[in-house]
Amino acid sequence: MTKEEIRTICADRILFVDHLSRKLQEHRSQTFTYRQDVKGIPAAVLFPFYFKEGQPYLLFTKRTDLVEHHKGQISLPGGRKDEQDPNLLQTALRETEEEIGLNPQDIRILGQTDRFLTNTSYFITPFVGLIPYPYEFTLSTSEIEYLIEVPFLHLLDDNNFEIKRYSKDGINWVLHYYYFNHEVIWGVTGFLLSNLLSIVFDFDRNVCCE
């Protein structure tokens, strides 16, 4: 898609939501894994979209130093599947409510993107949802330090995106970095974001390892 086509879609709330819904429904989910012998711990996250000042935004969380994995990193709300969760969508909704106080009934699910095996052995399934704005969030102080509101068009700009390569335990990782003010979105969240952009706007960023 051209930049002008993308801007036109992002400028209209109904057009944007319809476009995301259609592209996600048409997409056949894939699995990105670097090792076939690792089953992975099931987990799910949510891409929370909302409209503010006439344009789409994505909500991210800044993790505290108290969490077990990815301390201090920017992430999407979500976490590992519990035994009582009937499916991964419910995992994403439950974890989102626990972390930021977003009621599942206030989330309109548009679809899901691709599954990804992390180097910490979590198999993450991301869901895309539309949430109301403004909203009175309640943060879990043990997990979330603060929220980050990022204009979606900012993430689409190549000037705010960078790829770095990193080798660990014989795996050549392709790390995706997104820059917003003084914040850096990278690691698992960076790749999941690149995957979303590749699905809904035909970006060529679906590379996690070589």
N, C-alpha and C. Protein backbone atom coordinates (compact mmCIF):
# COMPACT_ATOMS: atom_id res chain seq x y z
N MET A 1 0.84 -1.19 0.00
CA MET A 1 0.00 0.00 0.00
C MET A 1 0.88 1.24 0.00
N THR A 2 0.39 2.31 -0.64
CA THR A 2 1.15 3.55 -0.64
C THR A 2 0.96 4.27 0.68
N LYS A 3 1.87 5.21 0.99
CA LYS A 3 1.77 5.99 2.22
C LYS A 3 0.49 6.82 2.23
N GLU A 4 0.11 7.31 1.07
CA GLU A 4 -1.11 8.12 0.97
C GLU A 4 -2.35 7.28 1.27
N GLU A 5 -2.38 6.06 0.76
CA GLU A 5 -3.50 5.17 1.04
C GLU A 5 -3.60 4.85 2.53
N ILE A 6 -2.45 4.63 3.16
CA ILE A 6 -2.43 4.33 4.59
C ILE A 6 -2.91 5.53 5.39
N ARG A 7 -2.45 6.72 5.03
CA ARG A 7 -2.88 7.93 5.74
C ARG A 7 -4.39 8.16 5.60
N THR A 8 -4.91 7.87 4.43
CA THR A 8 -6.35 8.03 4.20
C THR A 8 -7.13 7.08 5.11
N ILE A 9 -6.68 5.84 5.21
CA ILE A 9 -7.35 4.86 6.07
C ILE A 9 -7.28 5.29 7.53
N CYS A 10 -6.11 5.75 7.96
CA CYS A 10 -5.91 6.13 9.36
C CYS A 10 -6.65 7.40 9.74
N ALA A 11 -7.05 8.19 8.77
CA ALA A 11 -7.73 9.45 9.05
C ALA A 11 -9.22 9.29 9.32
N ASP A 12 -9.75 8.09 9.07
CA ASP A 12 -11.18 7.84 9.22
C ASP A 12 -11.38 6.64 10.15
N ARG A 13 -12.01 6.85 11.29
CA ARG A 13 -12.15 5.79 12.28
C ARG A 13 -12.87 4.56 11.73
N ILE A 14 -13.98 4.76 11.04
CA ILE A 14 -14.75 3.63 10.51
C ILE A 14 -13.94 2.89 9.45
N LEU A 15 -13.30 3.64 8.57
CA LEU A 15 -12.49 3.03 7.51
C LEU A 15 -11.32 2.25 8.11
N PHE A 16 -10.70 2.80 9.14
CA PHE A 16 -9.57 2.14 9.79
C PHE A 16 -9.99 0.83 10.45
N VAL A 17 -11.06 0.87 11.20
CA VAL A 17 -11.52 -0.33 11.89
C VAL A 17 -11.96 -1.40 10.89
N ASP A 18 -12.67 -0.98 9.85
CA ASP A 18 -13.10 -1.93 8.82
C ASP A 18 -11.91 -2.57 8.12
N HIS A 19 -10.89 -1.74 7.84
CA HIS A 19 -9.70 -2.25 7.16
C HIS A 19 -8.98 -3.28 8.03
N LEU A 20 -8.76 -2.96 9.30
CA LEU A 20 -8.10 -3.89 10.20
C LEU A 20 -8.87 -5.19 10.32
N SER A 21 -10.19 -5.08 10.50
CA SER A 21 -11.03 -6.27 10.63
C SER A 21 -10.92 -7.15 9.40
N ARG A 22 -11.01 -6.56 8.23
CA ARG A 22 -10.98 -7.33 6.98
C ARG A 22 -9.63 -8.01 6.79
N LYS A 23 -8.54 -7.26 6.99
CA LYS A 23 -7.20 -7.83 6.78
C LYS A 23 -6.91 -8.96 7.77
N LEU A 24 -7.35 -8.79 9.01
CA LEU A 24 -7.12 -9.83 10.01
C LEU A 24 -7.96 -11.07 9.74
N GLN A 25 -9.19 -10.88 9.26
CA GLN A 25 -10.05 -12.01 8.94
C GLN A 25 -9.55 -12.77 7.72
N GLU A 26 -8.96 -12.05 6.78
CA GLU A 26 -8.42 -12.69 5.57
C GLU A 26 -7.10 -13.41 5.84
N HIS A 27 -6.42 -13.00 6.89
CA HIS A 27 -5.09 -13.55 7.16
C HIS A 27 -5.15 -14.96 7.74
N ARG A 28 -4.31 -15.84 7.23
CA ARG A 28 -4.19 -17.20 7.77
C ARG A 28 -3.00 -17.19 8.74
N SER A 29 -3.29 -17.38 10.01
CA SER A 29 -2.26 -17.26 11.05
C SER A 29 -1.09 -18.21 10.82
N GLN A 30 0.12 -17.68 11.05
CA GLN A 30 1.34 -18.45 10.94
C GLN A 30 1.98 -18.59 12.31
N THR A 31 2.99 -19.43 12.39
CA THR A 31 3.74 -19.60 13.62
C THR A 31 5.21 -19.32 13.34
N PHE A 32 5.80 -18.40 14.09
CA PHE A 32 7.22 -18.08 13.98
C PHE A 32 7.95 -18.75 15.14
N THR A 33 8.79 -19.72 14.82
CA THR A 33 9.52 -20.43 15.85
C THR A 33 10.96 -20.63 15.41
N TYR A 34 11.88 -20.52 16.35
CA TYR A 34 13.29 -20.68 16.03
C TYR A 34 13.79 -22.08 16.37
N ARG A 35 12.96 -22.86 17.12
CA ARG A 35 13.32 -24.23 17.47
C ARG A 35 12.09 -25.10 17.43
N GLN A 36 12.15 -26.16 16.64
CA GLN A 36 11.00 -27.05 16.50
C GLN A 36 10.82 -27.96 17.72
N ASP A 37 11.88 -28.11 18.53
CA ASP A 37 11.82 -29.03 19.66
C ASP A 37 11.32 -28.35 20.95
N VAL A 38 10.98 -27.06 20.88
CA VAL A 38 10.49 -26.33 22.06
C VAL A 38 8.98 -26.14 21.93
N LYS A 39 8.24 -26.72 22.86
CA LYS A 39 6.78 -26.62 22.81
C LYS A 39 6.31 -25.21 23.16
N GLY A 40 6.90 -24.63 24.18
CA GLY A 40 6.57 -23.27 24.58
C GLY A 40 5.41 -23.19 25.55
N ILE A 41 5.42 -22.16 26.37
CA ILE A 41 4.36 -21.90 27.35
C ILE A 41 3.31 -21.00 26.70
N PRO A 42 2.06 -21.43 26.61
CA PRO A 42 1.03 -20.61 25.95
C PRO A 42 0.83 -19.27 26.66
N ALA A 43 0.76 -18.21 25.87
CA ALA A 43 0.54 -16.86 26.39
C ALA A 43 -0.19 -16.05 25.33
N ALA A 44 -0.75 -14.93 25.74
CA ALA A 44 -1.49 -14.08 24.80
C ALA A 44 -1.37 -12.63 25.21
N VAL A 45 -1.38 -11.74 24.23
CA VAL A 45 -1.32 -10.30 24.47
C VAL A 45 -2.39 -9.60 23.64
N LEU A 46 -2.60 -8.33 23.96
CA LEU A 46 -3.60 -7.53 23.25
C LEU A 46 -2.96 -6.28 22.66
N PHE A 47 -3.27 -6.01 21.37
CA PHE A 47 -2.97 -4.72 20.77
C PHE A 47 -4.18 -3.82 21.01
N PRO A 48 -4.13 -2.89 21.99
CA PRO A 48 -5.30 -2.04 22.27
C PRO A 48 -5.27 -0.75 21.42
N PHE A 49 -6.13 -0.70 20.42
CA PHE A 49 -6.25 0.48 19.56
C PHE A 49 -7.37 1.38 20.07
N TYR A 50 -7.19 2.67 19.91
CA TYR A 50 -8.26 3.63 20.18
C TYR A 50 -8.03 4.87 19.33
N PHE A 51 -9.07 5.69 19.19
CA PHE A 51 -8.96 6.92 18.42
C PHE A 51 -8.88 8.11 19.36
N LYS A 52 -7.92 8.99 19.09
CA LYS A 52 -7.71 10.19 19.90
C LYS A 52 -7.33 11.33 18.96
N GLU A 53 -8.03 12.44 19.06
CA GLU A 53 -7.76 13.61 18.22
C GLU A 53 -7.77 13.25 16.74
N GLY A 54 -8.70 12.38 16.37
CA GLY A 54 -8.89 12.05 14.96
C GLY A 54 -7.90 11.10 14.35
N GLN A 55 -7.11 10.39 15.17
CA GLN A 55 -6.17 9.42 14.61
C GLN A 55 -6.04 8.22 15.53
N PRO A 56 -5.64 7.06 14.97
CA PRO A 56 -5.51 5.85 15.78
C PRO A 56 -4.26 5.88 16.65
N TYR A 57 -4.41 5.36 17.85
CA TYR A 57 -3.30 5.23 18.80
C TYR A 57 -3.21 3.78 19.23
N LEU A 58 -2.01 3.38 19.67
CA LEU A 58 -1.79 2.09 20.31
C LEU A 58 -1.33 2.31 21.74
N LEU A 59 -1.83 1.50 22.64
CA LEU A 59 -1.47 1.62 24.05
C LEU A 59 -0.45 0.54 24.41
N PHE A 60 0.66 0.97 24.98
CA PHE A 60 1.70 0.05 25.46
C PHE A 60 1.87 0.22 26.97
N THR A 61 2.51 -0.76 27.59
CA THR A 61 2.78 -0.69 29.02
C THR A 61 4.28 -0.71 29.27
N LYS A 62 4.70 0.03 30.27
CA LYS A 62 6.09 -0.02 30.73
C LYS A 62 6.13 -0.95 31.94
N ARG A 63 6.85 -2.07 31.81
CA ARG A 63 6.89 -3.07 32.87
C ARG A 63 7.78 -2.63 34.03
N THR A 64 7.43 -3.03 35.22
CA THR A 64 8.24 -2.70 36.38
C THR A 64 9.47 -3.61 36.45
N ASP A 65 10.31 -3.38 37.43
CA ASP A 65 11.46 -4.26 37.67
C ASP A 65 11.10 -5.42 38.59
N LEU A 66 9.80 -5.54 38.92
CA LEU A 66 9.36 -6.60 39.83
C LEU A 66 8.88 -7.84 39.09
N VAL A 67 8.63 -7.71 37.78
CA VAL A 67 8.13 -8.85 37.02
C VAL A 67 9.24 -9.86 36.75
N GLU A 68 8.85 -11.09 36.41
CA GLU A 68 9.83 -12.16 36.24
C GLU A 68 10.65 -12.01 34.96
N HIS A 69 9.97 -11.67 33.86
CA HIS A 69 10.65 -11.57 32.57
C HIS A 69 10.48 -10.16 31.97
N HIS A 70 11.48 -9.77 31.14
CA HIS A 70 11.43 -8.51 30.40
C HIS A 70 11.24 -7.30 31.32
N LYS A 71 12.02 -7.27 32.39
CA LYS A 71 11.94 -6.19 33.38
C LYS A 71 12.21 -4.83 32.72
N GLY A 72 11.36 -3.86 33.03
CA GLY A 72 11.56 -2.50 32.57
C GLY A 72 11.32 -2.27 31.09
N GLN A 73 10.92 -3.30 30.36
CA GLN A 73 10.71 -3.14 28.92
C GLN A 73 9.30 -2.65 28.61
N ILE A 74 9.13 -2.15 27.41
CA ILE A 74 7.81 -1.76 26.93
C ILE A 74 7.14 -2.99 26.33
N SER A 75 5.90 -3.21 26.70
CA SER A 75 5.21 -4.42 26.25
C SER A 75 3.76 -4.11 25.92
N LEU A 76 3.06 -5.15 25.49
CA LEU A 76 1.62 -5.12 25.31
C LEU A 76 0.99 -5.79 26.52
N PRO A 77 -0.21 -5.37 26.94
CA PRO A 77 -0.84 -6.06 28.05
C PRO A 77 -1.11 -7.52 27.70
N GLY A 78 -0.84 -8.40 28.67
CA GLY A 78 -1.05 -9.83 28.42
C GLY A 78 -0.15 -10.66 29.30
N GLY A 79 -0.19 -11.97 29.11
CA GLY A 79 0.62 -12.86 29.93
C GLY A 79 0.34 -14.32 29.63
N ARG A 80 0.82 -15.19 30.51
CA ARG A 80 0.71 -16.63 30.28
C ARG A 80 -0.71 -17.12 30.55
N LYS A 81 -1.06 -18.21 29.87
CA LYS A 81 -2.38 -18.82 30.01
C LYS A 81 -2.48 -19.56 31.34
N ASP A 82 -3.56 -19.31 32.06
CA ASP A 82 -3.84 -20.04 33.29
C ASP A 82 -4.74 -21.24 32.98
N GLU A 83 -4.78 -22.20 33.90
CA GLU A 83 -5.59 -23.40 33.68
C GLU A 83 -7.07 -23.08 33.53
N GLN A 84 -7.53 -22.02 34.22
CA GLN A 84 -8.96 -21.70 34.16
C GLN A 84 -9.35 -20.94 32.89
N ASP A 85 -8.38 -20.51 32.11
CA ASP A 85 -8.69 -19.79 30.86
C ASP A 85 -9.19 -20.78 29.82
N PRO A 86 -10.41 -20.61 29.28
CA PRO A 86 -10.92 -21.56 28.28
C PRO A 86 -10.18 -21.49 26.96
N ASN A 87 -9.58 -20.34 26.66
CA ASN A 87 -8.84 -20.17 25.41
C ASN A 87 -7.88 -19.00 25.55
N LEU A 88 -7.06 -18.78 24.53
CA LEU A 88 -6.04 -17.74 24.60
C LEU A 88 -6.62 -16.33 24.53
N LEU A 89 -7.76 -16.17 23.85
CA LEU A 89 -8.41 -14.87 23.85
C LEU A 89 -8.78 -14.47 25.27
N GLN A 90 -9.32 -15.41 26.03
CA GLN A 90 -9.68 -15.12 27.42
C GLN A 90 -8.43 -14.82 28.25
N THR A 91 -7.32 -15.44 27.90
CA THR A 91 -6.06 -15.13 28.57
C THR A 91 -5.69 -13.66 28.35
N ALA A 92 -5.76 -13.23 27.10
CA ALA A 92 -5.42 -11.84 26.78
C ALA A 92 -6.35 -10.87 27.49
N LEU A 93 -7.65 -11.17 27.52
CA LEU A 93 -8.62 -10.29 28.16
C LEU A 93 -8.42 -10.25 29.68
N ARG A 94 -8.20 -11.42 30.27
CA ARG A 94 -8.00 -11.48 31.73
C ARG A 94 -6.74 -10.74 32.14
N GLU A 95 -5.65 -11.00 31.45
CA GLU A 95 -4.39 -10.36 31.79
C GLU A 95 -4.46 -8.85 31.60
N THR A 96 -5.15 -8.42 30.54
CA THR A 96 -5.29 -6.99 30.30
C THR A 96 -6.06 -6.32 31.43
N GLU A 97 -7.10 -6.99 31.89
CA GLU A 97 -7.87 -6.43 33.01
C GLU A 97 -7.02 -6.40 34.28
N GLU A 98 -6.25 -7.46 34.52
CA GLU A 98 -5.43 -7.51 35.72
C GLU A 98 -4.32 -6.46 35.69
N GLU A 99 -3.75 -6.22 34.52
CA GLU A 99 -2.61 -5.31 34.44
C GLU A 99 -3.00 -3.84 34.40
N ILE A 100 -4.05 -3.51 33.61
CA ILE A 100 -4.37 -2.09 33.43
C ILE A 100 -5.83 -1.74 33.75
N GLY A 101 -6.60 -2.72 34.24
CA GLY A 101 -7.97 -2.43 34.65
C GLY A 101 -8.94 -2.19 33.52
N LEU A 102 -8.68 -2.75 32.35
CA LEU A 102 -9.55 -2.59 31.20
C LEU A 102 -10.59 -3.71 31.18
N ASN A 103 -11.86 -3.37 31.34
CA ASN A 103 -12.93 -4.35 31.38
C ASN A 103 -13.05 -5.08 30.04
N PRO A 104 -13.05 -6.41 30.02
CA PRO A 104 -13.18 -7.16 28.76
C PRO A 104 -14.41 -6.76 27.95
N GLN A 105 -15.48 -6.36 28.63
CA GLN A 105 -16.70 -5.97 27.92
C GLN A 105 -16.53 -4.66 27.15
N ASP A 106 -15.47 -3.93 27.46
CA ASP A 106 -15.20 -2.67 26.77
C ASP A 106 -14.26 -2.83 25.58
N ILE A 107 -13.91 -4.08 25.26
CA ILE A 107 -12.96 -4.36 24.17
C ILE A 107 -13.69 -5.02 23.01
N ARG A 108 -13.56 -4.45 21.84
CA ARG A 108 -14.09 -5.06 20.62
C ARG A 108 -12.94 -5.77 19.91
N ILE A 109 -12.95 -7.09 19.90
CA ILE A 109 -11.87 -7.85 19.28
C ILE A 109 -12.05 -7.86 17.76
N LEU A 110 -10.98 -7.48 17.05
CA LEU A 110 -11.02 -7.41 15.59
C LEU A 110 -10.39 -8.63 14.92
N GLY A 111 -9.54 -9.34 15.65
CA GLY A 111 -8.89 -10.51 15.08
C GLY A 111 -7.58 -10.80 15.78
N GLN A 112 -6.76 -11.67 15.18
CA GLN A 112 -5.46 -12.00 15.77
C GLN A 112 -4.39 -12.00 14.69
N THR A 113 -3.14 -11.88 15.14
CA THR A 113 -2.02 -11.88 14.20
C THR A 113 -1.32 -13.25 14.28
N ASP A 114 0.01 -13.28 14.20
CA ASP A 114 0.73 -14.55 14.15
C ASP A 114 1.33 -14.94 15.51
N ARG A 115 1.44 -16.24 15.72
CA ARG A 115 2.03 -16.76 16.95
C ARG A 115 3.56 -16.68 16.88
N PHE A 116 4.17 -16.46 18.05
CA PHE A 116 5.62 -16.25 18.08
C PHE A 116 6.22 -16.92 19.31
N LEU A 117 7.27 -17.73 19.11
CA LEU A 117 7.99 -18.36 20.20
C LEU A 117 9.13 -17.45 20.63
N THR A 118 9.11 -17.01 21.90
CA THR A 118 10.15 -16.11 22.41
C THR A 118 11.37 -16.90 22.87
N ASN A 119 12.47 -16.18 23.09
CA ASN A 119 13.68 -16.86 23.59
C ASN A 119 13.57 -17.21 25.06
N THR A 120 12.46 -16.82 25.70
CA THR A 120 12.17 -17.24 27.08
C THR A 120 11.14 -18.37 27.09
N SER A 121 10.92 -18.97 25.90
CA SER A 121 10.06 -20.16 25.73
C SER A 121 8.58 -19.90 25.97
N TYR A 122 8.12 -18.69 25.67
CA TYR A 122 6.68 -18.41 25.68
C TYR A 122 6.18 -18.41 24.24
N PHE A 123 5.03 -19.08 24.01
CA PHE A 123 4.39 -19.06 22.70
C PHE A 123 3.26 -18.04 22.76
N ILE A 124 3.49 -16.89 22.16
CA ILE A 124 2.58 -15.76 22.30
C ILE A 124 1.61 -15.67 21.12
N THR A 125 0.33 -15.55 21.43
CA THR A 125 -0.70 -15.29 20.42
C THR A 125 -1.24 -13.89 20.65
N PRO A 126 -1.05 -12.97 19.69
CA PRO A 126 -1.53 -11.60 19.86
C PRO A 126 -2.93 -11.41 19.26
N PHE A 127 -3.76 -10.65 19.97
CA PHE A 127 -5.08 -10.28 19.50
C PHE A 127 -5.13 -8.76 19.33
N VAL A 128 -5.99 -8.34 18.42
CA VAL A 128 -6.13 -6.92 18.13
C VAL A 128 -7.52 -6.47 18.57
N GLY A 129 -7.57 -5.40 19.34
CA GLY A 129 -8.85 -4.94 19.86
C GLY A 129 -9.00 -3.43 19.80
N LEU A 130 -10.24 -3.00 19.78
CA LEU A 130 -10.58 -1.58 19.80
C LEU A 130 -11.13 -1.25 21.18
N ILE A 131 -10.61 -0.20 21.82
CA ILE A 131 -11.05 0.15 23.16
C ILE A 131 -11.56 1.59 23.18
N PRO A 132 -12.38 1.95 24.17
CA PRO A 132 -12.90 3.31 24.25
C PRO A 132 -11.83 4.30 24.71
N TYR A 133 -12.04 5.55 24.36
CA TYR A 133 -11.16 6.63 24.81
C TYR A 133 -12.00 7.89 25.04
N PRO A 134 -11.77 8.62 26.14
CA PRO A 134 -10.83 8.31 27.23
C PRO A 134 -11.32 7.16 28.09
N TYR A 135 -10.39 6.62 28.93
CA TYR A 135 -10.73 5.49 29.77
C TYR A 135 -10.01 5.64 31.10
N GLU A 136 -10.66 5.19 32.17
CA GLU A 136 -10.08 5.28 33.50
C GLU A 136 -9.36 3.96 33.82
N PHE A 137 -8.08 3.91 33.47
CA PHE A 137 -7.30 2.70 33.69
C PHE A 137 -6.88 2.59 35.16
N THR A 138 -6.73 1.35 35.62
CA THR A 138 -6.22 1.08 36.96
C THR A 138 -5.04 0.13 36.81
N LEU A 139 -3.84 0.62 37.11
CA LEU A 139 -2.63 -0.16 36.87
C LEU A 139 -2.29 -1.07 38.04
N SER A 140 -1.80 -2.27 37.71
CA SER A 140 -1.24 -3.16 38.71
C SER A 140 0.16 -2.65 39.02
N THR A 141 0.36 -2.11 40.20
CA THR A 141 1.64 -1.46 40.54
C THR A 141 2.80 -2.44 40.60
N SER A 142 2.51 -3.72 40.78
CA SER A 142 3.59 -4.71 40.81
C SER A 142 4.07 -5.09 39.40
N GLU A 143 3.22 -4.83 38.39
CA GLU A 143 3.55 -5.25 37.03
C GLU A 143 3.81 -4.07 36.08
N ILE A 144 3.02 -3.01 36.22
CA ILE A 144 3.05 -1.91 35.25
C ILE A 144 3.49 -0.61 35.91
N GLU A 145 4.53 -0.02 35.37
CA GLU A 145 5.03 1.26 35.90
C GLU A 145 4.20 2.43 35.38
N TYR A 146 3.95 2.44 34.04
CA TYR A 146 3.09 3.47 33.45
C TYR A 146 2.67 3.04 32.05
N LEU A 147 1.71 3.78 31.49
CA LEU A 147 1.20 3.52 30.14
C LEU A 147 1.85 4.46 29.15
N ILE A 148 1.94 4.01 27.90
CA ILE A 148 2.53 4.81 26.82
C ILE A 148 1.54 4.86 25.66
N GLU A 149 1.13 6.05 25.28
CA GLU A 149 0.20 6.25 24.17
C GLU A 149 1.00 6.65 22.93
N VAL A 150 0.94 5.84 21.89
CA VAL A 150 1.75 6.09 20.69
C VAL A 150 0.84 6.27 19.47
N PRO A 151 0.94 7.41 18.76
CA PRO A 151 0.18 7.56 17.51
C PRO A 151 0.59 6.47 16.52
N PHE A 152 -0.38 5.80 15.95
CA PHE A 152 -0.08 4.67 15.07
C PHE A 152 0.75 5.09 13.86
N LEU A 153 0.48 6.25 13.31
CA LEU A 153 1.23 6.71 12.14
C LEU A 153 2.71 6.88 12.47
N HIS A 154 3.03 7.20 13.70
CA HIS A 154 4.42 7.32 14.12
C HIS A 154 5.16 6.00 13.94
N LEU A 155 4.49 4.90 14.24
CA LEU A 155 5.09 3.58 14.14
C LEU A 155 5.26 3.12 12.69
N LEU A 156 4.47 3.71 11.79
CA LEU A 156 4.54 3.35 10.37
C LEU A 156 5.69 4.04 9.66
N ASP A 157 6.24 5.09 10.27
CA ASP A 157 7.30 5.89 9.66
C ASP A 157 8.64 5.15 9.76
N ASP A 158 9.27 4.91 8.61
CA ASP A 158 10.55 4.19 8.60
C ASP A 158 11.63 4.92 9.40
N ASN A 159 11.50 6.23 9.55
CA ASN A 159 12.49 6.99 10.31
C ASN A 159 12.48 6.64 11.80
N ASN A 160 11.40 6.03 12.25
CA ASN A 160 11.27 5.67 13.66
C ASN A 160 11.48 4.18 13.90
N PHE A 161 12.01 3.50 12.88
CA PHE A 161 12.18 2.04 12.92
C PHE A 161 13.60 1.66 12.57
N GLU A 162 14.10 0.63 13.25
CA GLU A 162 15.46 0.16 12.98
C GLU A 162 15.55 -1.33 13.27
N ILE A 163 16.38 -2.01 12.48
CA ILE A 163 16.66 -3.43 12.70
C ILE A 163 18.11 -3.58 13.15
N LYS A 164 18.29 -4.41 14.19
CA LYS A 164 19.63 -4.76 14.65
C LYS A 164 19.73 -6.28 14.72
N ARG A 165 20.91 -6.79 14.51
CA ARG A 165 21.11 -8.23 14.54
C ARG A 165 21.90 -8.64 15.79
N TYR A 166 21.52 -9.79 16.34
CA TYR A 166 22.08 -10.23 17.62
C TYR A 166 22.13 -11.75 17.64
N SER A 167 23.26 -12.32 18.05
CA SER A 167 23.42 -13.77 18.09
C SER A 167 23.48 -14.24 19.54
N LYS A 168 22.73 -15.32 19.81
CA LYS A 168 22.73 -15.91 21.15
C LYS A 168 22.42 -17.40 21.04
N ASP A 169 23.26 -18.20 21.65
CA ASP A 169 23.08 -19.66 21.68
C ASP A 169 22.87 -20.25 20.29
N GLY A 170 23.63 -19.74 19.34
CA GLY A 170 23.58 -20.25 17.98
C GLY A 170 22.43 -19.74 17.13
N ILE A 171 21.60 -18.84 17.69
CA ILE A 171 20.47 -18.27 16.95
C ILE A 171 20.82 -16.84 16.54
N ASN A 172 20.64 -16.53 15.26
CA ASN A 172 20.86 -15.17 14.76
C ASN A 172 19.53 -14.43 14.74
N TRP A 173 19.32 -13.60 15.76
CA TRP A 173 18.06 -12.88 15.90
C TRP A 173 18.06 -11.58 15.11
N VAL A 174 16.92 -11.23 14.57
CA VAL A 174 16.70 -9.93 13.93
C VAL A 174 15.81 -9.13 14.87
N LEU A 175 16.38 -8.15 15.54
CA LEU A 175 15.65 -7.39 16.55
C LEU A 175 15.04 -6.13 15.93
N HIS A 176 13.79 -5.88 16.27
CA HIS A 176 13.04 -4.75 15.71
C HIS A 176 12.92 -3.65 16.77
N TYR A 177 13.34 -2.44 16.42
CA TYR A 177 13.31 -1.31 17.35
C TYR A 177 12.41 -0.21 16.80
N TYR A 178 11.52 0.28 17.66
CA TYR A 178 10.66 1.43 17.34
C TYR A 178 10.93 2.51 18.38
N TYR A 179 11.14 3.73 17.90
CA TYR A 179 11.50 4.84 18.78
C TYR A 179 10.36 5.84 18.88
N PHE A 180 10.02 6.19 20.11
CA PHE A 180 8.97 7.18 20.35
C PHE A 180 9.37 8.04 21.54
N ASN A 181 9.68 9.31 21.25
CA ASN A 181 10.19 10.23 22.27
C ASN A 181 11.41 9.56 22.93
N HIS A 182 11.41 9.38 24.23
CA HIS A 182 12.54 8.75 24.90
C HIS A 182 12.33 7.25 25.11
N GLU A 183 11.24 6.70 24.55
CA GLU A 183 10.91 5.29 24.73
C GLU A 183 11.42 4.45 23.55
N VAL A 184 11.77 3.20 23.87
CA VAL A 184 12.21 2.26 22.83
C VAL A 184 11.38 0.99 22.94
N ILE A 185 10.66 0.68 21.88
CA ILE A 185 9.87 -0.55 21.80
C ILE A 185 10.69 -1.56 21.01
N TRP A 186 11.05 -2.67 21.65
CA TRP A 186 11.93 -3.63 20.96
C TRP A 186 11.63 -5.04 21.47
N GLY A 187 12.52 -5.98 21.14
CA GLY A 187 12.36 -7.36 21.60
C GLY A 187 11.11 -8.01 21.04
N VAL A 188 10.45 -8.78 21.89
CA VAL A 188 9.23 -9.49 21.48
C VAL A 188 8.19 -8.51 20.97
N THR A 189 7.97 -7.43 21.70
CA THR A 189 6.95 -6.44 21.32
C THR A 189 7.28 -5.80 19.99
N GLY A 190 8.56 -5.54 19.75
CA GLY A 190 8.97 -4.94 18.47
C GLY A 190 8.64 -5.85 17.30
N PHE A 191 8.92 -7.15 17.44
CA PHE A 191 8.60 -8.06 16.34
C PHE A 191 7.10 -8.22 16.16
N LEU A 192 6.35 -8.35 17.26
CA LEU A 192 4.89 -8.49 17.15
C LEU A 192 4.28 -7.28 16.45
N LEU A 193 4.83 -6.10 16.72
CA LEU A 193 4.36 -4.89 16.06
C LEU A 193 4.68 -4.92 14.56
N SER A 194 5.88 -5.33 14.22
CA SER A 194 6.26 -5.45 12.80
C SER A 194 5.38 -6.46 12.08
N ASN A 195 5.05 -7.55 12.77
CA ASN A 195 4.18 -8.56 12.20
C ASN A 195 2.79 -8.00 11.92
N LEU A 196 2.26 -7.23 12.88
CA LEU A 196 0.96 -6.59 12.68
C LEU A 196 0.98 -5.67 11.47
N LEU A 197 2.01 -4.84 11.35
CA LEU A 197 2.10 -3.91 10.22
C LEU A 197 2.22 -4.66 8.89
N SER A 198 2.92 -5.78 8.91
CA SER A 198 3.06 -6.56 7.68
C SER A 198 1.73 -7.16 7.24
N ILE A 199 0.92 -7.54 8.21
CA ILE A 199 -0.38 -8.15 7.89
C ILE A 199 -1.39 -7.11 7.40
N VAL A 200 -1.50 -5.99 8.11
CA VAL A 200 -2.60 -5.06 7.81
C VAL A 200 -2.23 -3.99 6.78
N PHE A 201 -0.92 -3.70 6.62
CA PHE A 201 -0.53 -2.67 5.66
C PHE A 201 0.56 -3.11 4.70
N ASP A 202 0.76 -4.43 4.58
CA ASP A 202 1.69 -5.01 3.60
C ASP A 202 3.13 -4.57 3.78
N PHE A 203 3.54 -4.28 5.02
CA PHE A 203 4.95 -3.98 5.28
C PHE A 203 5.76 -5.25 5.12
N ASP A 204 7.06 -5.09 4.85
CA ASP A 204 7.95 -6.25 4.68
C ASP A 204 8.88 -6.33 5.89
N ARG A 205 8.29 -6.64 7.05
CA ARG A 205 9.08 -6.67 8.29
C ARG A 205 8.93 -7.99 9.04
N ASN A 206 8.47 -9.05 8.38
CA ASN A 206 8.21 -10.33 9.05
C ASN A 206 9.47 -11.18 9.15
N VAL A 207 10.50 -10.67 9.80
CA VAL A 207 11.74 -11.41 9.98
C VAL A 207 12.11 -11.36 11.46
N CYS A 208 12.25 -12.54 12.09
CA CYS A 208 12.63 -12.54 13.51
C CYS A 208 13.98 -13.19 13.75
N CYS A 209 14.39 -14.11 12.88
CA CYS A 209 15.70 -14.72 13.02
C CYS A 209 16.15 -15.25 11.67
N GLU A 210 17.45 -15.49 11.56
CA GLU A 210 18.02 -15.90 10.27
C GLU A 210 18.81 -17.19 10.41
